[in-house]
Amino acid sequence: MLPLFDIEGHVILITGGAGLIGREYARALAEAGAVAVIADLDMERAKYVVDEVGSDLIIPMQLDVTDPDSVQSIVRTIIDRFGRIDGLVNNAAMDPKFDPEHAGEHGLTFENYPLDMWRKELDVNVTGMFLCTQRVVPQMLKQKRGVIVNISSIYGMVGPDQRLYESDDPTAPVMKKPVTYTVSKSAVFGFTKYLAAYYGSTGIRANTLTLGGVYNKHEEGFLKRYNWRAPLGRMAESEEYCGALIYLLSDASSYMTGSNLVVDGGWTAW
């Protein structure tokens, strides 16, 4: 790997690290020689990722991003073990998915969206990002160096195209991408800009990585509609965001902070 992109020996905390994309982040970082701490609420799934990838550089830890004590505990554990935290990837989020595993789960309209679900999803997607960053920053200040990457979505930049979720079967239940996803993912941009401006002179950088949809055995009708809507004509493969992440975590992006790197197959180009 070119020295500019060198992250060998860096310690990177990835929240939601056992998910579809999080595990690819971990794999790519380990291949680049970095220590990838995959922090997830589901510890068994996190351990499975370690077994699947087979790298000693991937460390599973349990984390509830909405619990300040849980966040503080994992940060302390990482510092005690490695003496540093070079990067934080705020990846954990409640993301209503429309793959076969989650079929039929998203029939709520805006008019009947429950307040408790609104609060829960904002707690994970926004407050969790705040808590993890707040607990990691003191170590980065001591180091006079650190990188924060906040993961957003095309639906933080533009409203969801609800036509994608319409079934070809007229008797099928109505499906909608919920309001909480767009609201929480758009909040990521403001949070990133705040961090960049606040910590600009300290050696800490913060950027947003905005992703498009990832293929995961989606229903044929949905896939056809998504592909028609995307200029590249397809959804991303789960590993296609890793290059952008390594760029943001490395010195290749040393003069970049407060920015939004969009990797979406052209979705937001029109």
C-alpha atoms as a PDB file:
ATOM      1  CA  MET A   1       0.000   0.000   0.000  1.00  0.00           C
ATOM      2  CA  LEU A   2       1.231   3.512  -0.815  1.00  0.00           C
ATOM      3  CA  PRO A   3       2.552   5.393   2.258  1.00  0.00           C
ATOM      4  CA  LEU A   4      -0.075   8.090   1.707  1.00  0.00           C
ATOM      5  CA  PHE A   5      -2.821   5.553   2.413  1.00  0.00           C
ATOM      6  CA  ASP A   6      -0.890   3.693   5.109  1.00  0.00           C
ATOM      7  CA  ILE A   7      -2.950   2.901   8.219  1.00  0.00           C
ATOM      8  CA  GLU A   8      -0.860  -0.017   9.439  1.00  0.00           C
ATOM      9  CA  GLY A   9      -0.897  -0.192  13.245  1.00  0.00           C
ATOM     10  CA  HIS A  10      -3.753   2.284  13.570  1.00  0.00           C
ATOM     11  CA  VAL A  11      -6.484   1.401  16.050  1.00  0.00           C
ATOM     12  CA  ILE A  12      -9.952   1.998  14.593  1.00  0.00           C
ATOM     13  CA  LEU A  13     -13.242   1.653  16.468  1.00  0.00           C
ATOM     14  CA  ILE A  14     -16.171   0.716  14.214  1.00  0.00           C
ATOM     15  CA  THR A  15     -19.613   0.924  15.812  1.00  0.00           C
ATOM     16  CA  GLY A  16     -22.177  -1.452  14.359  1.00  0.00           C
ATOM     17  CA  GLY A  17     -19.172  -3.394  13.146  1.00  0.00           C
ATOM     18  CA  ALA A  18     -20.901  -6.751  12.778  1.00  0.00           C
ATOM     19  CA  GLY A  19     -23.379  -5.579  10.159  1.00  0.00           C
ATOM     20  CA  LEU A  20     -23.340  -6.118   6.396  1.00  0.00           C
ATOM     21  CA  ILE A  21     -21.078  -3.144   5.645  1.00  0.00           C
ATOM     22  CA  GLY A  22     -19.341  -2.952   9.028  1.00  0.00           C
ATOM     23  CA  ARG A  23     -17.822  -6.399   8.587  1.00  0.00           C
ATOM     24  CA  GLU A  24     -16.415  -5.348   5.198  1.00  0.00           C
ATOM     25  CA  TYR A  25     -14.887  -2.264   6.804  1.00  0.00           C
ATOM     26  CA  ALA A  26     -13.248  -4.509   9.386  1.00  0.00           C
ATOM     27  CA  ARG A  27     -11.945  -6.912   6.750  1.00  0.00           C
ATOM     28  CA  ALA A  28     -10.444  -4.094   4.671  1.00  0.00           C
ATOM     29  CA  LEU A  29      -8.835  -2.371   7.650  1.00  0.00           C
ATOM     30  CA  ALA A  30      -7.295  -5.632   8.855  1.00  0.00           C
ATOM     31  CA  GLU A  31      -5.945  -6.322   5.373  1.00  0.00           C
ATOM     32  CA  ALA A  32      -4.353  -2.854   5.517  1.00  0.00           C
ATOM     33  CA  GLY A  33      -2.683  -3.743   8.827  1.00  0.00           C
ATOM     34  CA  ALA A  34      -4.934  -1.730  11.129  1.00  0.00           C
ATOM     35  CA  VAL A  35      -6.553  -3.018  14.309  1.00  0.00           C
ATOM     36  CA  ALA A  36     -10.312  -3.003  13.723  1.00  0.00           C
ATOM     37  CA  VAL A  37     -12.404  -3.054  16.894  1.00  0.00           C
ATOM     38  CA  ILE A  38     -15.876  -4.115  15.793  1.00  0.00           C
ATOM     39  CA  ALA A  39     -18.265  -2.931  18.476  1.00  0.00           C
ATOM     40  CA  ASP A  40     -21.790  -4.251  18.202  1.00  0.00           C
ATOM     41  CA  LEU A  41     -24.821  -4.859  20.389  1.00  0.00           C
ATOM     42  CA  ASP A  42     -24.849  -8.451  19.115  1.00  0.00           C
ATOM     43  CA  MET A  43     -21.640  -9.948  20.518  1.00  0.00           C
ATOM     44  CA  GLU A  44     -22.251 -13.358  18.967  1.00  0.00           C
ATOM     45  CA  ARG A  45     -22.513 -11.841  15.511  1.00  0.00           C
ATOM     46  CA  ALA A  46     -19.341  -9.836  16.142  1.00  0.00           C
ATOM     47  CA  LYS A  47     -17.487 -13.029  17.092  1.00  0.00           C
ATOM     48  CA  TYR A  48     -18.808 -14.684  13.957  1.00  0.00           C
ATOM     49  CA  VAL A  49     -17.256 -11.904  11.844  1.00  0.00           C
ATOM     50  CA  VAL A  50     -13.875 -12.587  13.458  1.00  0.00           C
ATOM     51  CA  ASP A  51     -14.191 -16.301  12.670  1.00  0.00           C
ATOM     52  CA  GLU A  52     -15.372 -15.543   9.140  1.00  0.00           C
ATOM     53  CA  VAL A  53     -12.509 -13.178   8.303  1.00  0.00           C
ATOM     54  CA  GLY A  54      -9.903 -15.082  10.300  1.00  0.00           C
ATOM     55  CA  SER A  55      -7.726 -12.135  11.315  1.00  0.00           C
ATOM     56  CA  ASP A  56      -6.149 -11.452  14.709  1.00  0.00           C
ATOM     57  CA  LEU A  57      -6.413  -7.738  13.899  1.00  0.00           C
ATOM     58  CA  ILE A  58     -10.213  -7.797  14.235  1.00  0.00           C
ATOM     59  CA  ILE A  59     -11.305  -7.461  17.863  1.00  0.00           C
ATOM     60  CA  PRO A  60     -14.963  -8.031  18.814  1.00  0.00           C
ATOM     61  CA  MET A  61     -16.478  -6.037  21.666  1.00  0.00           C
ATOM     62  CA  GLN A  62     -20.025  -5.529  22.860  1.00  0.00           C
ATOM     63  CA  LEU A  63     -21.429  -1.999  22.739  1.00  0.00           C
ATOM     64  CA  ASP A  64     -24.747  -0.251  23.230  1.00  0.00           C
ATOM     65  CA  VAL A  65     -24.226   3.148  21.621  1.00  0.00           C
ATOM     66  CA  THR A  66     -27.190   4.619  23.502  1.00  0.00           C
ATOM     67  CA  ASP A  67     -25.726   3.750  26.931  1.00  0.00           C
ATOM     68  CA  PRO A  68     -23.066   6.229  28.161  1.00  0.00           C
ATOM     69  CA  ASP A  69     -21.595   3.642  30.548  1.00  0.00           C
ATOM     70  CA  SER A  70     -21.274   1.061  27.775  1.00  0.00           C
ATOM     71  CA  VAL A  71     -19.558   3.588  25.522  1.00  0.00           C
ATOM     72  CA  GLN A  72     -17.197   4.749  28.254  1.00  0.00           C
ATOM     73  CA  SER A  73     -16.337   1.161  29.155  1.00  0.00           C
ATOM     74  CA  ILE A  74     -15.379   0.141  25.624  1.00  0.00           C
ATOM     75  CA  VAL A  75     -13.283   3.275  25.085  1.00  0.00           C
ATOM     76  CA  ARG A  76     -11.438   2.624  28.341  1.00  0.00           C
ATOM     77  CA  THR A  77     -10.871  -1.023  27.361  1.00  0.00           C
ATOM     78  CA  ILE A  78      -9.409  -0.045  23.988  1.00  0.00           C
ATOM     79  CA  ILE A  79      -7.077   2.534  25.534  1.00  0.00           C
ATOM     80  CA  ASP A  80      -5.960   0.111  28.255  1.00  0.00           C
ATOM     81  CA  ARG A  81      -5.214  -2.556  25.656  1.00  0.00           C
ATOM     82  CA  PHE A  82      -3.712  -0.527  22.819  1.00  0.00           C
ATOM     83  CA  GLY A  83      -2.846   2.838  24.353  1.00  0.00           C
ATOM     84  CA  ARG A  84      -4.499   4.779  21.559  1.00  0.00           C
ATOM     85  CA  ILE A  85      -7.522   5.297  19.326  1.00  0.00           C
ATOM     86  CA  ASP A  86      -6.628   6.606  15.888  1.00  0.00           C
ATOM     87  CA  GLY A  87     -10.025   6.491  14.261  1.00  0.00           C
ATOM     88  CA  LEU A  88     -13.725   6.272  15.031  1.00  0.00           C
ATOM     89  CA  VAL A  89     -16.239   5.110  12.436  1.00  0.00           C
ATOM     90  CA  ASN A  90     -19.751   6.012  13.564  1.00  0.00           C
ATOM     91  CA  ASN A  91     -21.487   3.281  11.593  1.00  0.00           C
ATOM     92  CA  ALA A  92     -24.120   1.964  14.047  1.00  0.00           C
ATOM     93  CA  ALA A  93     -27.648   2.857  13.022  1.00  0.00           C
ATOM     94  CA  MET A  94     -31.155   1.544  12.844  1.00  0.00           C
ATOM     95  CA  ASP A  95     -31.597   1.193   9.081  1.00  0.00           C
ATOM     96  CA  PRO A  96     -34.963  -0.096   7.855  1.00  0.00           C
ATOM     97  CA  LYS A  97     -33.887  -2.626   5.226  1.00  0.00           C
ATOM     98  CA  PHE A  98     -35.985  -4.025   2.408  1.00  0.00           C
ATOM     99  CA  ASP A  99     -34.100  -7.250   1.761  1.00  0.00           C
ATOM    100  CA  PRO A 100     -35.829 -10.651   2.114  1.00  0.00           C
ATOM    101  CA  GLU A 101     -34.882 -10.986   5.780  1.00  0.00           C
ATOM    102  CA  HIS A 102     -36.902  -7.844   6.627  1.00  0.00           C
ATOM    103  CA  ALA A 103     -39.818  -8.326   4.234  1.00  0.00           C
ATOM    104  CA  GLY A 104     -43.129  -6.876   5.381  1.00  0.00           C
ATOM    105  CA  GLU A 105     -41.711  -4.920   8.319  1.00  0.00           C
ATOM    106  CA  HIS A 106     -42.187  -1.376   7.069  1.00  0.00           C
ATOM    107  CA  GLY A 107     -45.868  -0.723   6.609  1.00  0.00           C
ATOM    108  CA  LEU A 108     -46.098   2.385   8.787  1.00  0.00           C
ATOM    109  CA  THR A 109     -46.943   5.653   7.084  1.00  0.00           C
ATOM    110  CA  PHE A 110     -45.780   9.072   8.260  1.00  0.00           C
ATOM    111  CA  GLU A 111     -49.266   9.778   9.628  1.00  0.00           C
ATOM    112  CA  ASN A 112     -49.217   6.779  11.973  1.00  0.00           C
ATOM    113  CA  TYR A 113     -45.517   6.604  12.819  1.00  0.00           C
ATOM    114  CA  PRO A 114     -45.257   5.964  16.598  1.00  0.00           C
ATOM    115  CA  LEU A 115     -43.517   8.477  18.831  1.00  0.00           C
ATOM    116  CA  ASP A 116     -41.653   5.745  20.702  1.00  0.00           C
ATOM    117  CA  MET A 117     -40.117   4.483  17.445  1.00  0.00           C
ATOM    118  CA  TRP A 118     -39.167   8.063  16.492  1.00  0.00           C
ATOM    119  CA  ARG A 119     -37.360   8.488  19.814  1.00  0.00           C
ATOM    120  CA  LYS A 120     -35.695   5.077  19.718  1.00  0.00           C
ATOM    121  CA  GLU A 121     -34.288   5.465  16.222  1.00  0.00           C
ATOM    122  CA  LEU A 122     -33.015   8.995  16.810  1.00  0.00           C
ATOM    123  CA  ASP A 123     -31.469   7.770  20.049  1.00  0.00           C
ATOM    124  CA  VAL A 124     -29.444   5.140  18.181  1.00  0.00           C
ATOM    125  CA  ASN A 125     -28.665   7.062  14.990  1.00  0.00           C
ATOM    126  CA  VAL A 126     -27.961  10.521  16.427  1.00  0.00           C
ATOM    127  CA  THR A 127     -27.416  10.286  20.185  1.00  0.00           C
ATOM    128  CA  GLY A 128     -25.279   7.164  19.759  1.00  0.00           C
ATOM    129  CA  MET A 129     -23.020   9.001  17.339  1.00  0.00           C
ATOM    130  CA  PHE A 130     -22.752  11.905  19.791  1.00  0.00           C
ATOM    131  CA  LEU A 131     -21.921   9.688  22.779  1.00  0.00           C
ATOM    132  CA  CYS A 132     -19.254   7.641  20.988  1.00  0.00           C
ATOM    133  CA  THR A 133     -17.541  10.730  19.627  1.00  0.00           C
ATOM    134  CA  GLN A 134     -17.703  12.544  22.956  1.00  0.00           C
ATOM    135  CA  ARG A 135     -16.001   9.646  24.740  1.00  0.00           C
ATOM    136  CA  VAL A 136     -13.318   9.075  22.082  1.00  0.00           C
ATOM    137  CA  VAL A 137     -12.257  12.698  21.589  1.00  0.00           C
ATOM    138  CA  PRO A 138     -10.357  13.116  24.918  1.00  0.00           C
ATOM    139  CA  GLN A 139      -7.899  10.379  23.870  1.00  0.00           C
ATOM    140  CA  MET A 140      -7.490  11.941  20.428  1.00  0.00           C
ATOM    141  CA  LEU A 141      -6.778  15.299  22.059  1.00  0.00           C
ATOM    142  CA  LYS A 142      -4.031  13.668  24.128  1.00  0.00           C
ATOM    143  CA  GLN A 143      -2.570  12.173  20.956  1.00  0.00           C
ATOM    144  CA  LYS A 144      -3.023  15.488  19.093  1.00  0.00           C
ATOM    145  CA  ARG A 145      -4.322  13.380  16.259  1.00  0.00           C
ATOM    146  CA  GLY A 146      -7.411  11.421  15.297  1.00  0.00           C
ATOM    147  CA  VAL A 147      -9.974  10.868  12.565  1.00  0.00           C
ATOM    148  CA  ILE A 148     -13.753  10.618  12.890  1.00  0.00           C
ATOM    149  CA  VAL A 149     -15.819   9.246  10.016  1.00  0.00           C
ATOM    150  CA  ASN A 150     -19.588   9.566  10.326  1.00  0.00           C
ATOM    151  CA  ILE A 151     -21.604   7.305   8.036  1.00  0.00           C
ATOM    152  CA  SER A 152     -24.612   8.832   6.300  1.00  0.00           C
ATOM    153  CA  SER A 153     -26.873   7.850   3.429  1.00  0.00           C
ATOM    154  CA  ILE A 154     -28.175   9.229   0.158  1.00  0.00           C
ATOM    155  CA  TYR A 155     -31.466   9.547   2.040  1.00  0.00           C
ATOM    156  CA  GLY A 156     -29.816  12.110   4.274  1.00  0.00           C
ATOM    157  CA  MET A 157     -29.151  14.211   1.175  1.00  0.00           C
ATOM    158  CA  VAL A 158     -32.404  13.623  -0.671  1.00  0.00           C
ATOM    159  CA  GLY A 159     -35.800  12.328   0.305  1.00  0.00           C
ATOM    160  CA  PRO A 160     -36.519   8.623  -0.141  1.00  0.00           C
ATOM    161  CA  ASP A 161     -37.976   7.637  -3.481  1.00  0.00           C
ATOM    162  CA  GLN A 162     -40.941   5.751  -2.053  1.00  0.00           C
ATOM    163  CA  ARG A 163     -41.766   4.344  -5.488  1.00  0.00           C
ATOM    164  CA  LEU A 164     -38.917   1.864  -5.024  1.00  0.00           C
ATOM    165  CA  TYR A 165     -40.856   0.063  -2.300  1.00  0.00           C
ATOM    166  CA  GLU A 166     -44.093  -0.356  -4.252  1.00  0.00           C
ATOM    167  CA  SER A 167     -44.791  -3.995  -4.944  1.00  0.00           C
ATOM    168  CA  ASP A 168     -45.777  -5.317  -8.359  1.00  0.00           C
ATOM    169  CA  ASP A 169     -48.450  -7.241  -6.482  1.00  0.00           C
ATOM    170  CA  PRO A 170     -51.462  -4.912  -5.924  1.00  0.00           C
ATOM    171  CA  THR A 171     -52.563  -6.993  -2.941  1.00  0.00           C
ATOM    172  CA  ALA A 172     -49.211  -6.621  -1.131  1.00  0.00           C
ATOM    173  CA  PRO A 173     -49.017  -4.316   1.907  1.00  0.00           C
ATOM    174  CA  VAL A 174     -47.814  -0.733   1.412  1.00  0.00           C
ATOM    175  CA  MET A 175     -44.142  -0.266   2.237  1.00  0.00           C
ATOM    176  CA  LYS A 176     -42.477   3.027   3.174  1.00  0.00           C
ATOM    177  CA  LYS A 177     -38.978   4.165   4.141  1.00  0.00           C
ATOM    178  CA  PRO A 178     -39.635   5.880   7.497  1.00  0.00           C
ATOM    179  CA  VAL A 179     -39.137   9.543   8.347  1.00  0.00           C
ATOM    180  CA  THR A 180     -36.612   8.752  11.086  1.00  0.00           C
ATOM    181  CA  TYR A 181     -34.019   7.494   8.627  1.00  0.00           C
ATOM    182  CA  THR A 182     -33.880  10.679   6.563  1.00  0.00           C
ATOM    183  CA  VAL A 183     -34.006  12.926   9.627  1.00  0.00           C
ATOM    184  CA  SER A 184     -31.233  11.070  11.452  1.00  0.00           C
ATOM    185  CA  LYS A 185     -28.974  10.688   8.418  1.00  0.00           C
ATOM    186  CA  SER A 186     -29.284  14.368   7.508  1.00  0.00           C
ATOM    187  CA  ALA A 187     -28.260  15.213  11.092  1.00  0.00           C
ATOM    188  CA  VAL A 188     -24.916  13.507  10.416  1.00  0.00           C
ATOM    189  CA  PHE A 189     -23.839  16.349   8.114  1.00  0.00           C
ATOM    190  CA  GLY A 190     -24.403  19.029  10.740  1.00  0.00           C
ATOM    191  CA  PHE A 191     -22.651  16.976  13.404  1.00  0.00           C
ATOM    192  CA  THR A 192     -19.624  16.468  11.158  1.00  0.00           C
ATOM    193  CA  LYS A 193     -19.359  20.168  10.331  1.00  0.00           C
ATOM    194  CA  TYR A 194     -19.595  21.079  14.013  1.00  0.00           C
ATOM    195  CA  LEU A 195     -16.775  18.694  14.931  1.00  0.00           C
ATOM    196  CA  ALA A 196     -14.591  19.886  12.051  1.00  0.00           C
ATOM    197  CA  ALA A 197     -14.957  23.529  13.039  1.00  0.00           C
ATOM    198  CA  TYR A 198     -14.619  22.871  16.769  1.00  0.00           C
ATOM    199  CA  TYR A 199     -11.520  20.660  16.631  1.00  0.00           C
ATOM    200  CA  GLY A 200      -9.883  22.018  13.484  1.00  0.00           C
ATOM    201  CA  SER A 201      -6.674  23.219  15.158  1.00  0.00           C
ATOM    202  CA  THR A 202      -6.208  20.173  17.396  1.00  0.00           C
ATOM    203  CA  GLY A 203      -5.181  17.534  14.845  1.00  0.00           C
ATOM    204  CA  ILE A 204      -8.623  15.918  14.888  1.00  0.00           C
ATOM    205  CA  ARG A 205     -10.432  15.658  11.555  1.00  0.00           C
ATOM    206  CA  ALA A 206     -14.082  14.742  10.951  1.00  0.00           C
ATOM    207  CA  ASN A 207     -15.759  13.846   7.671  1.00  0.00           C
ATOM    208  CA  THR A 208     -18.955  12.213   6.462  1.00  0.00           C
ATOM    209  CA  LEU A 209     -19.056   9.182   4.199  1.00  0.00           C
ATOM    210  CA  THR A 210     -22.400   8.997   2.396  1.00  0.00           C
ATOM    211  CA  LEU A 211     -23.450   5.645   0.961  1.00  0.00           C
ATOM    212  CA  GLY A 212     -25.927   4.424  -1.590  1.00  0.00           C
ATOM    213  CA  GLY A 213     -27.847   1.162  -1.434  1.00  0.00           C
ATOM    214  CA  VAL A 214     -26.058  -2.166  -0.957  1.00  0.00           C
ATOM    215  CA  TYR A 215     -27.192  -5.337  -2.668  1.00  0.00           C
ATOM    216  CA  ASN A 216     -28.332  -8.075  -0.290  1.00  0.00           C
ATOM    217  CA  LYS A 217     -30.489 -10.539  -2.243  1.00  0.00           C
ATOM    218  CA  HIS A 218     -33.245  -7.990  -2.750  1.00  0.00           C
ATOM    219  CA  GLU A 219     -36.582  -8.831  -4.332  1.00  0.00           C
ATOM    220  CA  GLU A 220     -36.392  -8.686  -8.116  1.00  0.00           C
ATOM    221  CA  GLY A 221     -38.945  -5.896  -8.529  1.00  0.00           C
ATOM    222  CA  PHE A 222     -37.186  -3.636  -6.017  1.00  0.00           C
ATOM    223  CA  LEU A 223     -33.812  -4.364  -7.581  1.00  0.00           C
ATOM    224  CA  LYS A 224     -35.070  -3.517 -11.060  1.00  0.00           C
ATOM    225  CA  ARG A 225     -36.525  -0.194  -9.870  1.00  0.00           C
ATOM    226  CA  TYR A 226     -33.380   0.714  -7.926  1.00  0.00           C
ATOM    227  CA  ASN A 227     -31.091  -0.137 -10.824  1.00  0.00           C
ATOM    228  CA  TRP A 228     -33.196   1.954 -13.199  1.00  0.00           C
ATOM    229  CA  ARG A 229     -32.920   4.908 -10.803  1.00  0.00           C
ATOM    230  CA  ALA A 230     -29.113   4.690 -10.336  1.00  0.00           C
ATOM    231  CA  PRO A 231     -26.870   6.116 -13.112  1.00  0.00           C
ATOM    232  CA  LEU A 232     -24.442   3.179 -12.760  1.00  0.00           C
ATOM    233  CA  GLY A 233     -27.399   0.847 -13.153  1.00  0.00           C
ATOM    234  CA  ARG A 234     -26.858  -1.261 -10.037  1.00  0.00           C
ATOM    235  CA  MET A 235     -26.622  -1.334  -6.269  1.00  0.00           C
ATOM    236  CA  ALA A 236     -23.217  -1.358  -4.557  1.00  0.00           C
ATOM    237  CA  GLU A 237     -21.499  -4.511  -3.420  1.00  0.00           C
ATOM    238  CA  SER A 238     -20.827  -4.402   0.323  1.00  0.00           C
ATOM    239  CA  GLU A 239     -17.049  -4.084  -0.113  1.00  0.00           C
ATOM    240  CA  GLU A 240     -17.188  -1.137  -2.534  1.00  0.00           C
ATOM    241  CA  TYR A 241     -17.171   1.495   0.211  1.00  0.00           C
ATOM    242  CA  CYS A 242     -13.961   0.306   1.847  1.00  0.00           C
ATOM    243  CA  GLY A 243     -11.594   2.277  -0.376  1.00  0.00           C
ATOM    244  CA  ALA A 244     -13.344   5.527   0.510  1.00  0.00           C
ATOM    245  CA  LEU A 245     -13.185   4.691   4.210  1.00  0.00           C
ATOM    246  CA  ILE A 246      -9.446   3.964   4.111  1.00  0.00           C
ATOM    247  CA  TYR A 247      -8.942   7.240   2.252  1.00  0.00           C
ATOM    248  CA  LEU A 248     -10.754   9.186   4.972  1.00  0.00           C
ATOM    249  CA  LEU A 249      -8.924   7.390   7.794  1.00  0.00           C
ATOM    250  CA  SER A 250      -5.484   7.842   6.248  1.00  0.00           C
ATOM    251  CA  ASP A 251      -3.187  10.787   5.585  1.00  0.00           C
ATOM    252  CA  ALA A 252      -4.320  10.717   1.965  1.00  0.00           C
ATOM    253  CA  SER A 253      -7.164  12.971   3.196  1.00  0.00           C
ATOM    254  CA  SER A 254      -4.985  15.051   5.547  1.00  0.00           C
ATOM    255  CA  TYR A 255      -6.368  18.388   4.278  1.00  0.00           C
ATOM    256  CA  MET A 256      -9.972  17.230   4.365  1.00  0.00           C
ATOM    257  CA  THR A 257     -12.315  17.967   7.265  1.00  0.00           C
ATOM    258  CA  GLY A 258     -15.976  18.886   7.536  1.00  0.00           C
ATOM    259  CA  SER A 259     -16.618  17.386   4.109  1.00  0.00           C
ATOM    260  CA  ASN A 260     -19.023  14.848   2.691  1.00  0.00           C
ATOM    261  CA  LEU A 261     -17.613  12.099   0.472  1.00  0.00           C
ATOM    262  CA  VAL A 262     -20.482  10.665  -1.580  1.00  0.00           C
ATOM    263  CA  VAL A 263     -20.176   7.116  -2.957  1.00  0.00           C
ATOM    264  CA  ASP A 264     -23.591   6.362  -4.407  1.00  0.00           C
ATOM    265  CA  GLY A 265     -23.299   5.144  -7.981  1.00  0.00           C
ATOM    266  CA  GLY A 266     -24.450   8.576  -9.135  1.00  0.00           C
ATOM    267  CA  TRP A 267     -27.769   8.462  -7.270  1.00  0.00           C
ATOM    268  CA  THR A 268     -27.630  12.117  -6.163  1.00  0.00           C
ATOM    269  CA  ALA A 269     -26.259  13.342  -9.528  1.00  0.00           C
ATOM    270  CA  TRP A 270     -29.788  13.895 -10.827  1.00  0.00           C
END
